[in-house]
């Protein structure tokens, strides 16, 4: 082998190492950027998880309110249709009584 040929091989090897280093650096920086964007951006994974948790909480609140509404609707229907419940509600909520009737209230 000639000294010029050996020098050329070293230059080619050095250039290949430099190109590989540049390539891996660009790939690494791109991956870091993508991971950071996926995790921490406005529509990132962390925010998505927070929104899913909030949605679950709100759905539970909606179900609870719907159950309360059904209960109130059934009470309202009973108050409109059943005279017994009208009387019971007037007695319990407003302390009303029939004539010549006494009401005793106790602290609980």
PDB file of N, CA and C in Angstrom:
ATOM      1  N   UNK A   1       0.830  -1.173   0.000  1.00  0.00           N
ATOM      2  CA  UNK A   1       0.000   0.000   0.000  1.00  0.00           C
ATOM      3  C   UNK A   1       0.873   1.234   0.000  1.00  0.00           C
ATOM      4  N   UNK A   2       0.388   2.183  -0.699  1.00  0.00           N
ATOM      5  CA  UNK A   2       1.141   3.419  -0.793  1.00  0.00           C
ATOM      6  C   UNK A   2       0.707   4.348   0.316  1.00  0.00           C
ATOM      7  N   UNK A   3       1.581   5.256   0.725  1.00  0.00           N
ATOM      8  CA  UNK A   3       1.234   6.193   1.786  1.00  0.00           C
ATOM      9  C   UNK A   3       0.069   7.101   1.388  1.00  0.00           C
ATOM     10  N   UNK A   4      -0.058   7.448   0.164  1.00  0.00           N
ATOM     11  CA  UNK A   4      -1.169   8.292  -0.291  1.00  0.00           C
ATOM     12  C   UNK A   4      -2.506   7.571  -0.197  1.00  0.00           C
ATOM     13  N   UNK A   5      -2.479   6.274  -0.498  1.00  0.00           N
ATOM     14  CA  UNK A   5      -3.683   5.458  -0.437  1.00  0.00           C
ATOM     15  C   UNK A   5      -4.143   5.296   1.013  1.00  0.00           C
ATOM     16  N   UNK A   6      -3.187   5.123   1.912  1.00  0.00           N
ATOM     17  CA  UNK A   6      -3.497   4.975   3.334  1.00  0.00           C
ATOM     18  C   UNK A   6      -4.086   6.272   3.893  1.00  0.00           C
ATOM     19  N   UNK A   7      -3.542   7.390   3.485  1.00  0.00           N
ATOM     20  CA  UNK A   7      -4.036   8.689   3.921  1.00  0.00           C
ATOM     21  C   UNK A   7      -5.460   8.909   3.419  1.00  0.00           C
ATOM     22  N   UNK A   8      -5.725   8.495   2.206  1.00  0.00           N
ATOM     23  CA  UNK A   8      -7.063   8.626   1.629  1.00  0.00           C
ATOM     24  C   UNK A   8      -8.075   7.785   2.418  1.00  0.00           C
ATOM     25  N   UNK A   9      -7.681   6.548   2.802  1.00  0.00           N
ATOM     26  CA  UNK A   9      -8.560   5.698   3.601  1.00  0.00           C
ATOM     27  C   UNK A   9      -8.882   6.348   4.955  1.00  0.00           C
ATOM     28  N   UNK A  10      -7.878   6.935   5.580  1.00  0.00           N
ATOM     29  CA  UNK A  10      -8.098   7.607   6.866  1.00  0.00           C
ATOM     30  C   UNK A  10      -9.045   8.793   6.713  1.00  0.00           C
ATOM     31  N   UNK A  11      -8.878   9.552   5.633  1.00  0.00           N
ATOM     32  CA  UNK A  11      -9.768  10.695   5.393  1.00  0.00           C
ATOM     33  C   UNK A  11     -11.205  10.230   5.157  1.00  0.00           C
ATOM     34  N   UNK A  12     -11.364   9.139   4.389  1.00  0.00           N
ATOM     35  CA  UNK A  12     -12.695   8.607   4.110  1.00  0.00           C
ATOM     36  C   UNK A  12     -13.328   8.087   5.409  1.00  0.00           C
ATOM     37  N   UNK A  13     -12.547   7.388   6.221  1.00  0.00           N
ATOM     38  CA  UNK A  13     -13.052   6.871   7.490  1.00  0.00           C
ATOM     39  C   UNK A  13     -13.427   8.022   8.418  1.00  0.00           C
ATOM     40  N   UNK A  14     -12.587   9.034   8.454  1.00  0.00           N
ATOM     41  CA  UNK A  14     -12.862  10.206   9.290  1.00  0.00           C
ATOM     42  C   UNK A  14     -14.137  10.917   8.820  1.00  0.00           C
ATOM     43  N   UNK A  15     -14.285  11.041   7.522  1.00  0.00           N
ATOM     44  CA  UNK A  15     -15.486  11.684   6.958  1.00  0.00           C
ATOM     45  C   UNK A  15     -16.737  10.858   7.261  1.00  0.00           C
ATOM     46  N   UNK A  16     -16.633   9.531   7.186  1.00  0.00           N
ATOM     47  CA  UNK A  16     -17.773   8.657   7.499  1.00  0.00           C
ATOM     48  C   UNK A  16     -18.158   8.786   8.975  1.00  0.00           C
ATOM     49  N   UNK A  17     -17.182   8.837   9.876  1.00  0.00           N
ATOM     50  CA  UNK A  17     -17.466   9.017  11.298  1.00  0.00           C
ATOM     51  C   UNK A  17     -18.155  10.348  11.551  1.00  0.00           C
ATOM     52  N   UNK A  18     -17.672  11.386  10.884  1.00  0.00           N
ATOM     53  CA  UNK A  18     -18.255  12.724  11.036  1.00  0.00           C
ATOM     54  C   UNK A  18     -19.703  12.734  10.550  1.00  0.00           C
ATOM     55  N   UNK A  19     -19.955  12.101   9.405  1.00  0.00           N
ATOM     56  CA  UNK A  19     -21.320  12.048   8.870  1.00  0.00           C
ATOM     57  C   UNK A  19     -22.252  11.247   9.783  1.00  0.00           C
ATOM     58  N   UNK A  20     -21.731  10.114  10.299  1.00  0.00           N
ATOM     59  CA  UNK A  20     -22.539   9.318  11.230  1.00  0.00           C
ATOM     60  C   UNK A  20     -22.865  10.130  12.479  1.00  0.00           C
ATOM     61  N   UNK A  21     -21.875  10.843  12.997  1.00  0.00           N
ATOM     62  CA  UNK A  21     -22.086  11.672  14.185  1.00  0.00           C
ATOM     63  C   UNK A  21     -23.149  12.735  13.912  1.00  0.00           C
ATOM     64  N   UNK A  22     -23.072  13.386  12.777  1.00  0.00           N
ATOM     65  CA  UNK A  22     -24.069  14.398  12.410  1.00  0.00           C
ATOM     66  C   UNK A  22     -25.442  13.754  12.267  1.00  0.00           C
ATOM     67  N   UNK A  23     -25.512  12.601  11.607  1.00  0.00           N
ATOM     68  CA  UNK A  23     -26.781  11.906  11.411  1.00  0.00           C
ATOM     69  C   UNK A  23     -27.403  11.529  12.755  1.00  0.00           C
ATOM     70  N   UNK A  24     -26.622  10.879  13.634  1.00  0.00           N
ATOM     71  CA  UNK A  24     -27.160  10.459  14.938  1.00  0.00           C
ATOM     72  C   UNK A  24     -27.520  11.649  15.818  1.00  0.00           C
ATOM     73  N   UNK A  25     -26.780  12.741  15.692  1.00  0.00           N
ATOM     74  CA  UNK A  25     -27.115  13.942  16.449  1.00  0.00           C
ATOM     75  C   UNK A  25     -28.459  14.499  15.987  1.00  0.00           C
ATOM     76  N   UNK A  26     -28.659  14.570  14.683  1.00  0.00           N
ATOM     77  CA  UNK A  26     -29.927  15.082  14.144  1.00  0.00           C
ATOM     78  C   UNK A  26     -31.081  14.166  14.537  1.00  0.00           C
ATOM     79  N   UNK A  27     -30.889  12.858  14.444  1.00  0.00           N
ATOM     80  CA  UNK A  27     -31.935  11.906  14.826  1.00  0.00           C
ATOM     81  C   UNK A  27     -32.243  12.033  16.314  1.00  0.00           C
ATOM     82  N   UNK A  28     -31.221  12.125  17.151  1.00  0.00           N
ATOM     83  CA  UNK A  28     -31.423  12.253  18.598  1.00  0.00           C
ATOM     84  C   UNK A  28     -32.170  13.531  18.940  1.00  0.00           C
ATOM     85  N   UNK A  29     -31.763  14.642  18.353  1.00  0.00           N
ATOM     86  CA  UNK A  29     -32.436  15.913  18.619  1.00  0.00           C
ATOM     87  C   UNK A  29     -33.885  15.887  18.128  1.00  0.00           C
ATOM     88  N   UNK A  30     -34.115  15.246  16.998  1.00  0.00           N
ATOM     89  CA  UNK A  30     -35.486  15.127  16.484  1.00  0.00           C
ATOM     90  C   UNK A  30     -36.351  14.300  17.430  1.00  0.00           C
ATOM     91  N   UNK A  31     -35.811  13.199  17.936  1.00  0.00           N
ATOM     92  CA  UNK A  31     -36.562  12.366  18.874  1.00  0.00           C
ATOM     93  C   UNK A  31     -36.845  13.115  20.172  1.00  0.00           C
ATOM     94  N   UNK A  32     -35.878  13.851  20.664  1.00  0.00           N
ATOM     95  CA  UNK A  32     -36.084  14.641  21.884  1.00  0.00           C
ATOM     96  C   UNK A  32     -37.174  15.680  21.651  1.00  0.00           C
ATOM     97  N   UNK A  33     -37.136  16.334  20.510  1.00  0.00           N
ATOM     98  CA  UNK A  33     -38.155  17.331  20.192  1.00  0.00           C
ATOM     99  C   UNK A  33     -39.536  16.683  20.104  1.00  0.00           C
ATOM    100  N   UNK A  34     -39.628  15.552  19.416  1.00  0.00           N
ATOM    101  CA  UNK A  34     -40.927  14.868  19.279  1.00  0.00           C
ATOM    102  C   UNK A  34     -41.471  14.421  20.629  1.00  0.00           C
ATOM    103  N   UNK A  35     -40.632  13.837  21.462  1.00  0.00           N
ATOM    104  CA  UNK A  35     -41.086  13.389  22.778  1.00  0.00           C
ATOM    105  C   UNK A  35     -41.539  14.566  23.636  1.00  0.00           C
ATOM    106  N   UNK A  36     -40.784  15.643  23.598  1.00  0.00           N
ATOM    107  CA  UNK A  36     -41.153  16.831  24.363  1.00  0.00           C
ATOM    108  C   UNK A  36     -42.484  17.392  23.869  1.00  0.00           C
ATOM    109  N   UNK A  37     -42.655  17.441  22.578  1.00  0.00           N
ATOM    110  CA  UNK A  37     -43.896  17.948  22.002  1.00  0.00           C
ATOM    111  C   UNK A  37     -45.073  17.036  22.360  1.00  0.00           C
ATOM    112  N   UNK A  38     -44.875  15.736  22.250  1.00  0.00           N
ATOM    113  CA  UNK A  38     -45.952  14.792  22.546  1.00  0.00           C
ATOM    114  C   UNK A  38     -46.370  14.874  24.007  1.00  0.00           C
ATOM    115  N   UNK A  39     -45.414  15.056  24.896  1.00  0.00           N
ATOM    116  CA  UNK A  39     -45.726  15.073  26.324  1.00  0.00           C
ATOM    117  C   UNK A  39     -46.231  16.417  26.826  1.00  0.00           C
ATOM    118  N   UNK A  40     -45.592  17.507  26.433  1.00  0.00           N
ATOM    119  CA  UNK A  40     -45.808  18.781  27.111  1.00  0.00           C
ATOM    120  C   UNK A  40     -46.489  19.870  26.296  1.00  0.00           C
ATOM    121  N   UNK A  41     -46.872  19.623  25.076  1.00  0.00           N
ATOM    122  CA  UNK A  41     -47.495  20.686  24.274  1.00  0.00           C
ATOM    123  C   UNK A  41     -48.928  20.934  24.733  1.00  0.00           C
ATOM    124  N   UNK A  42     -49.599  21.890  24.080  1.00  0.00           N
ATOM    125  CA  UNK A  42     -50.985  22.220  24.431  1.00  0.00           C
ATOM    126  C   UNK A  42     -51.918  21.023  24.290  1.00  0.00           C
ATOM    127  N   UNK A  43     -51.670  20.187  23.339  1.00  0.00           N
ATOM    128  CA  UNK A  43     -52.485  18.984  23.160  1.00  0.00           C
ATOM    129  C   UNK A  43     -51.643  17.740  23.437  1.00  0.00           C
ATOM    130  N   UNK A  44     -50.744  17.842  24.390  1.00  0.00           N
ATOM    131  CA  UNK A  44     -49.852  16.745  24.719  1.00  0.00           C
ATOM    132  C   UNK A  44     -50.507  15.683  25.571  1.00  0.00           C
ATOM    133  N   UNK A  45     -49.754  14.651  25.831  1.00  0.00           N
ATOM    134  CA  UNK A  45     -50.255  13.497  26.556  1.00  0.00           C
ATOM    135  C   UNK A  45     -50.634  13.840  27.994  1.00  0.00           C
ATOM    136  N   UNK A  46     -49.850  14.660  28.651  1.00  0.00           N
ATOM    137  CA  UNK A  46     -50.161  15.021  30.037  1.00  0.00           C
ATOM    138  C   UNK A  46     -51.469  15.802  30.136  1.00  0.00           C
ATOM    139  N   UNK A  47     -51.649  16.745  29.227  1.00  0.00           N
ATOM    140  CA  UNK A  47     -52.895  17.520  29.236  1.00  0.00           C
ATOM    141  C   UNK A  47     -54.078  16.622  28.869  1.00  0.00           C
ATOM    142  N   UNK A  48     -53.856  15.720  27.951  1.00  0.00           N
ATOM    143  CA  UNK A  48     -54.914  14.783  27.562  1.00  0.00           C
ATOM    144  C   UNK A  48     -55.366  13.954  28.764  1.00  0.00           C
ATOM    145  N   UNK A  49     -54.418  13.462  29.553  1.00  0.00           N
ATOM    146  CA  UNK A  49     -54.773  12.662  30.730  1.00  0.00           C
ATOM    147  C   UNK A  49     -55.553  13.497  31.745  1.00  0.00           C
ATOM    148  N   UNK A  50     -55.153  14.760  31.935  1.00  0.00           N
ATOM    149  CA  UNK A  50     -55.894  15.639  32.846  1.00  0.00           C
ATOM    150  C   UNK A  50     -57.310  15.861  32.348  1.00  0.00           C
ATOM    151  N   UNK A  51     -57.460  16.058  31.038  1.00  0.00           N
ATOM    152  CA  UNK A  51     -58.787  16.288  30.471  1.00  0.00           C
ATOM    153  C   UNK A  51     -59.665  15.040  30.585  1.00  0.00           C
ATOM    154  N   UNK A  52     -59.091  13.869  30.403  1.00  0.00           N
ATOM    155  CA  UNK A  52     -59.861  12.633  30.547  1.00  0.00           C
ATOM    156  C   UNK A  52     -60.340  12.480  31.990  1.00  0.00           C
ATOM    157  N   UNK A  53     -59.469  12.783  32.949  1.00  0.00           N
ATOM    158  CA  UNK A  53     -59.868  12.696  34.360  1.00  0.00           C
ATOM    159  C   UNK A  53     -60.980  13.693  34.674  1.00  0.00           C
ATOM    160  N   UNK A  54     -60.855  14.900  34.124  1.00  0.00           N
ATOM    161  CA  UNK A  54     -61.886  15.920  34.352  1.00  0.00           C
ATOM    162  C   UNK A  54     -63.204  15.498  33.700  1.00  0.00           C
ATOM    163  N   UNK A  55     -63.129  14.913  32.518  1.00  0.00           N
ATOM    164  CA  UNK A  55     -64.339  14.449  31.828  1.00  0.00           C
ATOM    165  C   UNK A  55     -65.036  13.369  32.648  1.00  0.00           C
ATOM    166  N   UNK A  56     -64.266  12.447  33.195  1.00  0.00           N
ATOM    167  CA  UNK A  56     -64.832  11.386  34.019  1.00  0.00           C
ATOM    168  C   UNK A  56     -65.536  11.968  35.243  1.00  0.00           C
ATOM    169  N   UNK A  57     -64.893  12.950  35.869  1.00  0.00           N
ATOM    170  CA  UNK A  57     -65.487  13.599  37.037  1.00  0.00           C
ATOM    171  C   UNK A  57     -66.783  14.312  36.661  1.00  0.00           C
ATOM    172  N   UNK A  58     -66.772  15.036  35.561  1.00  0.00           N
ATOM    173  CA  UNK A  58     -67.972  15.754  35.118  1.00  0.00           C
ATOM    174  C   UNK A  58     -69.102  14.792  34.745  1.00  0.00           C
ATOM    175  N   UNK A  59     -68.759  13.668  34.118  1.00  0.00           N
ATOM    176  CA  UNK A  59     -69.784  12.685  33.777  1.00  0.00           C
ATOM    177  C   UNK A  59     -70.422  12.114  35.037  1.00  0.00           C
ATOM    178  N   UNK A  60     -69.616  11.891  36.069  1.00  0.00           N
ATOM    179  CA  UNK A  60     -70.164  11.394  37.338  1.00  0.00           C
ATOM    180  C   UNK A  60     -71.100  12.431  37.953  1.00  0.00           C
ATOM    181  N   UNK A  61     -70.718  13.698  37.874  1.00  0.00           N
ATOM    182  CA  UNK A  61     -71.583  14.765  38.392  1.00  0.00           C
ATOM    183  C   UNK A  61     -72.892  14.836  37.613  1.00  0.00           C
ATOM    184  N   UNK A  62     -72.813  14.674  36.308  1.00  0.00           N
ATOM    185  CA  UNK A  62     -74.026  14.706  35.475  1.00  0.00           C
ATOM    186  C   UNK A  62     -74.959  13.555  35.856  1.00  0.00           C
ATOM    187  N   UNK A  63     -74.389  12.357  36.045  1.00  0.00           N
ATOM    188  CA  UNK A  63     -75.230  11.218  36.448  1.00  0.00           C
ATOM    189  C   UNK A  63     -75.894  11.480  37.800  1.00  0.00           C
ATOM    190  N   UNK A  64     -75.149  12.053  38.727  1.00  0.00           N
ATOM    191  CA  UNK A  64     -75.707  12.363  40.039  1.00  0.00           C
ATOM    192  C   UNK A  64     -76.836  13.380  39.938  1.00  0.00           C
ATOM    193  N   UNK A  65     -76.643  14.403  39.131  1.00  0.00           N
ATOM    194  CA  UNK A  65     -77.671  15.434  38.951  1.00  0.00           C
ATOM    195  C   UNK A  65     -78.900  14.850  38.256  1.00  0.00           C
ATOM    196  N   UNK A  66     -78.677  13.965  37.289  1.00  0.00           N
ATOM    197  CA  UNK A  66     -79.815  13.319  36.622  1.00  0.00           C
ATOM    198  C   UNK A  66     -80.621  12.476  37.603  1.00  0.00           C
ATOM    199  N   UNK A  67     -79.935  11.779  38.511  1.00  0.00           N
ATOM    200  CA  UNK A  67     -80.645  11.000  39.522  1.00  0.00           C
ATOM    201  C   UNK A  67     -81.436  11.916  40.447  1.00  0.00           C
ATOM    202  N   UNK A  68     -80.830  13.040  40.839  1.00  0.00           N
ATOM    203  CA  UNK A  68     -81.550  14.014  41.667  1.00  0.00           C
ATOM    204  C   UNK A  68     -82.778  14.544  40.937  1.00  0.00           C
ATOM    205  N   UNK A  69     -82.627  14.824  39.648  1.00  0.00           N
ATOM    206  CA  UNK A  69     -83.763  15.320  38.860  1.00  0.00           C
ATOM    207  C   UNK A  69     -84.886  14.292  38.802  1.00  0.00           C
ATOM    208  N   UNK A  70     -84.543  13.021  38.616  1.00  0.00           N
ATOM    209  CA  UNK A  70     -85.578  11.985  38.594  1.00  0.00           C
ATOM    210  C   UNK A  70     -86.297  11.904  39.930  1.00  0.00           C
ATOM    211  N   UNK A  71     -85.543  11.998  41.009  1.00  0.00           N
ATOM    212  CA  UNK A  71     -86.155  11.954  42.341  1.00  0.00           C
ATOM    213  C   UNK A  71     -87.088  13.152  42.546  1.00  0.00           C
ATOM    214  N   UNK A  72     -86.654  14.325  42.139  1.00  0.00           N
ATOM    215  CA  UNK A  72     -87.476  15.530  42.294  1.00  0.00           C
ATOM    216  C   UNK A  72     -88.723  15.433  41.424  1.00  0.00           C
ATOM    217  N   UNK A  73     -88.578  14.909  40.210  1.00  0.00           N
ATOM    218  CA  UNK A  73     -89.745  14.748  39.334  1.00  0.00           C
ATOM    219  C   UNK A  73     -90.760  13.787  39.938  1.00  0.00           C
ATOM    220  N   UNK A  74     -90.268  12.696  40.545  1.00  0.00           N
ATOM    221  CA  UNK A  74     -91.211  11.753  41.145  1.00  0.00           C
ATOM    222  C   UNK A  74     -91.896  12.381  42.361  1.00  0.00           C
ATOM    223  N   UNK A  75     -91.163  13.157  43.149  1.00  0.00           N
ATOM    224  CA  UNK A  75     -91.782  13.858  44.277  1.00  0.00           C
ATOM    225  C   UNK A  75     -92.818  14.863  43.795  1.00  0.00           C
ATOM    226  N   UNK A  76     -92.492  15.571  42.740  1.00  0.00           N
ATOM    227  CA  UNK A  76     -93.419  16.558  42.181  1.00  0.00           C
ATOM    228  C   UNK A  76     -94.690  15.880  41.671  1.00  0.00           C
ATOM    229  N   UNK A  77     -94.521  14.759  41.002  1.00  0.00           N
ATOM    230  CA  UNK A  77     -95.693  14.017  40.507  1.00  0.00           C
ATOM    231  C   UNK A  77     -96.568  13.553  41.676  1.00  0.00           C
ATOM    232  N   UNK A  78     -95.911  13.049  42.741  1.00  0.00           N
ATOM    233  CA  UNK A  78     -96.685  12.620  43.911  1.00  0.00           C
ATOM    234  C   UNK A  78     -97.407  13.793  44.563  1.00  0.00           C
ATOM    235  N   UNK A  79     -96.758  14.941  44.642  1.00  0.00           N
ATOM    236  CA  UNK A  79     -97.397  16.110  45.243  1.00  0.00           C
ATOM    237  C   UNK A  79     -98.595  16.582  44.419  1.00  0.00           C
ATOM    238  N   UNK A  80     -98.508  16.442  43.096  1.00  0.00           N
ATOM    239  CA  UNK A  80     -99.616  16.865  42.245  1.00  0.00           C
ATOM    240  C   UNK A  80    -100.778  15.877  42.301  1.00  0.00           C
ATOM    241  N   UNK A  81    -100.470  14.595  42.423  1.00  0.00           N
ATOM    242  CA  UNK A  81    -101.500  13.575  42.275  1.00  0.00           C
ATOM    243  C   UNK A  81    -102.036  13.015  43.591  1.00  0.00           C
ATOM    244  N   UNK A  82    -101.219  12.933  44.616  1.00  0.00           N
ATOM    245  CA  UNK A  82    -101.615  12.262  45.854  1.00  0.00           C
ATOM    246  C   UNK A  82    -101.878  13.270  46.974  1.00  0.00           C
ATOM    247  N   UNK A  83    -103.101  13.336  47.484  1.00  0.00           N
ATOM    248  CA  UNK A  83    -103.401  14.279  48.558  1.00  0.00           C
ATOM    249  C   UNK A  83    -102.639  13.954  49.856  1.00  0.00           C
ATOM    250  N   UNK A  84    -102.381  12.663  50.092  1.00  0.00           N
ATOM    251  CA  UNK A  84    -101.640  12.280  51.295  1.00  0.00           C
ATOM    252  C   UNK A  84    -100.265  12.941  51.318  1.00  0.00           C
ATOM    253  N   UNK A  85     -99.570  12.934  50.177  1.00  0.00           N
ATOM    254  CA  UNK A  85     -98.231  13.521  50.117  1.00  0.00           C
ATOM    255  C   UNK A  85     -98.270  15.039  50.221  1.00  0.00           C
ATOM    256  N   UNK A  86     -99.332  15.653  49.717  1.00  0.00           N
ATOM    257  CA  UNK A  86     -99.486  17.104  49.886  1.00  0.00           C
ATOM    258  C   UNK A  86     -99.567  17.445  51.366  1.00  0.00           C
ATOM    259  N   UNK A  87    -100.389  16.696  52.061  1.00  0.00           N
ATOM    260  CA  UNK A  87    -100.569  16.943  53.490  1.00  0.00           C
ATOM    261  C   UNK A  87     -99.271  16.679  54.251  1.00  0.00           C
ATOM    262  N   UNK A  88     -98.623  15.570  53.935  1.00  0.00           N
ATOM    263  CA  UNK A  88     -97.359  15.226  54.601  1.00  0.00           C
ATOM    264  C   UNK A  88     -96.297  16.298  54.370  1.00  0.00           C
ATOM    265  N   UNK A  89     -96.190  16.778  53.135  1.00  0.00           N
ATOM    266  CA  UNK A  89     -95.203  17.810  52.796  1.00  0.00           C
ATOM    267  C   UNK A  89     -95.512  19.111  53.544  1.00  0.00           C
ATOM    268  N   UNK A  90     -96.777  19.500  53.595  1.00  0.00           N
ATOM    269  CA  UNK A  90     -97.171  20.729  54.298  1.00  0.00           C
ATOM    270  C   UNK A  90     -96.853  20.610  55.782  1.00  0.00           C
ATOM    271  N   UNK A  91     -97.065  19.446  56.350  1.00  0.00           N
ATOM    272  CA  UNK A  91     -96.784  19.251  57.771  1.00  0.00           C
ATOM    273  C   UNK A  91     -95.276  19.282  58.048  1.00  0.00           C
ATOM    274  N   UNK A  92     -94.500  18.545  57.244  1.00  0.00           N
ATOM    275  CA  UNK A  92     -93.069  18.415  57.516  1.00  0.00           C
ATOM    276  C   UNK A  92     -92.271  19.667  57.164  1.00  0.00           C
ATOM    277  N   UNK A  93     -92.578  20.281  56.049  1.00  0.00           N
ATOM    278  CA  UNK A  93     -91.769  21.406  55.580  1.00  0.00           C
ATOM    279  C   UNK A  93     -92.207  22.746  56.169  1.00  0.00           C
ATOM    280  N   UNK A  94     -93.500  22.917  56.361  1.00  0.00           N
ATOM    281  CA  UNK A  94     -93.996  24.221  56.791  1.00  0.00           C
ATOM    282  C   UNK A  94     -94.578  24.206  58.200  1.00  0.00           C
ATOM    283  N   UNK A  95     -94.632  23.046  58.823  1.00  0.00           N
ATOM    284  CA  UNK A  95     -95.148  22.956  60.179  1.00  0.00           C
ATOM    285  C   UNK A  95     -96.636  23.242  60.287  1.00  0.00           C
ATOM    286  N   UNK A  96     -97.378  23.020  59.226  1.00  0.00           N
ATOM    287  CA  UNK A  96     -98.826  23.261  59.241  1.00  0.00           C
ATOM    288  C   UNK A  96     -99.552  22.138  59.972  1.00  0.00           C
ATOM    289  N   UNK A  97    -100.717  22.457  60.519  1.00  0.00           N
ATOM    290  CA  UNK A  97    -101.509  21.466  61.236  1.00  0.00           C
ATOM    291  C   UNK A  97    -102.982  21.708  60.957  1.00  0.00           C
ATOM    292  N   UNK A  98    -103.757  20.686  61.212  1.00  0.00           N
ATOM    293  CA  UNK A  98    -105.212  20.808  61.073  1.00  0.00           C
ATOM    294  C   UNK A  98    -105.732  21.586  62.279  1.00  0.00           C
ATOM    295  N   UNK A  99    -106.945  22.136  62.169  1.00  0.00           N
ATOM    296  CA  UNK A  99    -107.511  22.830  63.336  1.00  0.00           C
ATOM    297  C   UNK A  99    -107.626  21.885  64.531  1.00  0.00           C
ATOM    298  N   UNK A 100    -107.408  22.409  65.719  1.00  0.00           N
ATOM    299  CA  UNK A 100    -107.451  21.660  66.972  1.00  0.00           C
ATOM    300  C   UNK A 100    -106.413  20.531  67.016  1.00  0.00           C
ATOM    301  N   UNK A 101    -105.273  20.723  66.367  1.00  0.00           N
ATOM    302  CA  UNK A 101    -104.221  19.717  66.352  1.00  0.00           C
ATOM    303  C   UNK A 101    -102.949  20.363  66.898  1.00  0.00           C
ATOM    304  N   UNK A 102    -102.226  19.640  67.720  1.00  0.00           N
ATOM    305  CA  UNK A 102    -100.994  20.160  68.306  1.00  0.00           C
ATOM    306  C   UNK A 102     -99.796  19.477  67.648  1.00  0.00           C
ATOM    307  N   UNK A 103     -98.726  20.255  67.483  1.00  0.00           N
ATOM    308  CA  UNK A 103     -97.501  19.721  66.889  1.00  0.00           C
ATOM    309  C   UNK A 103     -96.393  19.828  67.926  1.00  0.00           C
ATOM    310  N   UNK A 104     -95.715  18.720  68.161  1.00  0.00           N
ATOM    311  CA  UNK A 104     -94.576  18.698  69.067  1.00  0.00           C
ATOM    312  C   UNK A 104     -93.316  18.495  68.231  1.00  0.00           C
ATOM    313  N   UNK A 105     -92.373  19.408  68.366  1.00  0.00           N
ATOM    314  CA  UNK A 105     -91.121  19.302  67.623  1.00  0.00           C
ATOM    315  C   UNK A 105     -89.991  19.080  68.611  1.00  0.00           C
ATOM    316  N   UNK A 106     -89.117  18.147  68.265  1.00  0.00           N
ATOM    317  CA  UNK A 106     -87.984  17.825  69.120  1.00  0.00           C
ATOM    318  C   UNK A 106     -86.701  18.104  68.369  1.00  0.00           C
ATOM    319  N   UNK A 107     -85.698  18.569  69.096  1.00  0.00           N
ATOM    320  CA  UNK A 107     -84.378  18.769  68.479  1.00  0.00           C
ATOM    321  C   UNK A 107     -83.694  17.408  68.369  1.00  0.00           C
ATOM    322  N   UNK A 108     -83.068  17.199  67.271  1.00  0.00           N
ATOM    323  CA  UNK A 108     -82.369  15.912  67.058  1.00  0.00           C
ATOM    324  C   UNK A 108     -80.900  16.110  67.157  1.00  0.00           C
TER     325      UNK A 108
END
